Amino acid sequence: MTAKWEKIEKNLGVLEVEVDAEQVVIALDKAFRKVVQKVNVPGFRKGKVPRTIFEARFGIESLYQDAIDILLPEAYTKAVEETGIDPIDRPDVDVEQFGKGKSFKFKAKVTVRPEVKLGEYKGLEVPVESAEVTDEEINGELERLQQRHAELVVVDEGTAQMGDFTSIDFEGFLDGVPFEGGKGERYSLELGSNSFIPGFEDQVVGLNIAEEKDINVTFPENYQAENLAGKAVVFKVKLHEIKRKNLPALDDEFAKDVSEFDTLDEYKADLKTKLGERKEKDAQTARETAIVDKAAEAAELEIPQVMVDNEIGHMLKDFENRLRQQGMNLDLYYQFSGQDEAALKAQMQGDAEKRVRSNLVLEEIAKAENLEVSNEEIGEELESLAKVYNRSAEELRGIFESNGYLENLSADLKVRKAVKFLVDNSKSA
């Protein structure tokens, strides 16, 4: 077999491959043994049709596609190894020649990993964020705890206020006609949650119990339902009930209820310690991010769109998993947000490009600094993962190896080493 690689653009090239005629014969034999098991020929049992009879009846050309399917994957893999290219997407294959007694020739248009020209990445200066905890931050944490432990109390008199939990009936009308999905009865709505379209919740504020009101709003231009996008509608609303948060007092009893401490002062001291640890960790993460961003910005590279698209796919899956943990799914999210998949992907585009760029630069830094990952380090990482998933490290290793993920794990560890290298070789501004 021979293979030749020629670049036609920065990250795109053509791989020309020729496989010997002898290998074509072998592939045709394998194809025949596969196909003959499925054909019916009068006078012969299935799988027992002689090759000459088969070819006379169906033609040898009927074996070509199966033979190509047998030859192509292995030939492409060998050609990639021989030429040393690093594909990042499926090839666009064009078969130029295939037949009995002939060699197998094909061209594969391949997008490869981009070349990275590193800029300055040692001695980078980034500001150090303070991990000092202020009284305002402690009070803010206590207020959040107050909100979390508040009791909802039914309000008998007065009007609805922002922050109240209301029970409403509503029905939406477009040009005087009710529209699908625009009706609800005894619907629980927290005013200020922004779960309805802009302007709706603001107009519920001020309503008395049992009062009815026409609410005029306009759907966003990018709303998912095209018949409502950008349209002015009227919602007929009736308020049934108001519930309001009754906040507990911030005293020693509160501290006993929410912690193991007997006094509020003791609880505040513990909060200060924990907030300090959190701020220190956040400051370290922010410093790492800033250093990586600076190194990535200094590098020169052209990112193929396919890498960005793949990263958006990963981000979309992660987002969907987070929604499921909250009892939602993407379809519900699209309904509530007025977005569709295309809009959400467009929103993720910038972050995806940044992630791809950073990873490529970190991989190149690891290569430039000869950062390697030892078997011991892989073992330590598997031990850590074993504690998270409550499984043995040996079991996880088997799963990683059988699925071909062990190399990915090693690559992730190498990227982490590159981040640590950047931090260790940086300066505080």
Foldseek 3Di string as FASTA:
>chain_A
DDWDWDAPDQQKTKIKFKADLVLLVVLLVVLCQVCQQPDDDPPDDRSGDDPVRVCVVPNSVVSFVSSCVVPVVVRVVVNCVVVVFAFDDDWDKDWDDHDRPGITIIMTITGTDGDKFFFDQFAAADAFDDLADDPVNLVVVVVVVQVVPWDWDWDPDDADDQQKWFFKWKFKDAVNHTDPPRTDHRDIDHQPPLLADPQPSVVSTGDIAQDKDKGWDAADQLAQPNVRRRGIMIMIMHTHTIIHTDGDDQWQVSCVVPHVDRTSVVVSVVVSVVSSVVSNVVSVVVVLVVSLLVRLVRMDIDDDVVQLVVLLVVVQVVVQVVQVVVVHGPVVVSNRVSHDPVVVSVVCSVVSVSVVSSLVSLLVLLVVVVPFDDPVNLLVVLPVVCVVVVHDSVVVVVVCVVVVNSVVVRSVVSSVVSSVVSVVRYHHD
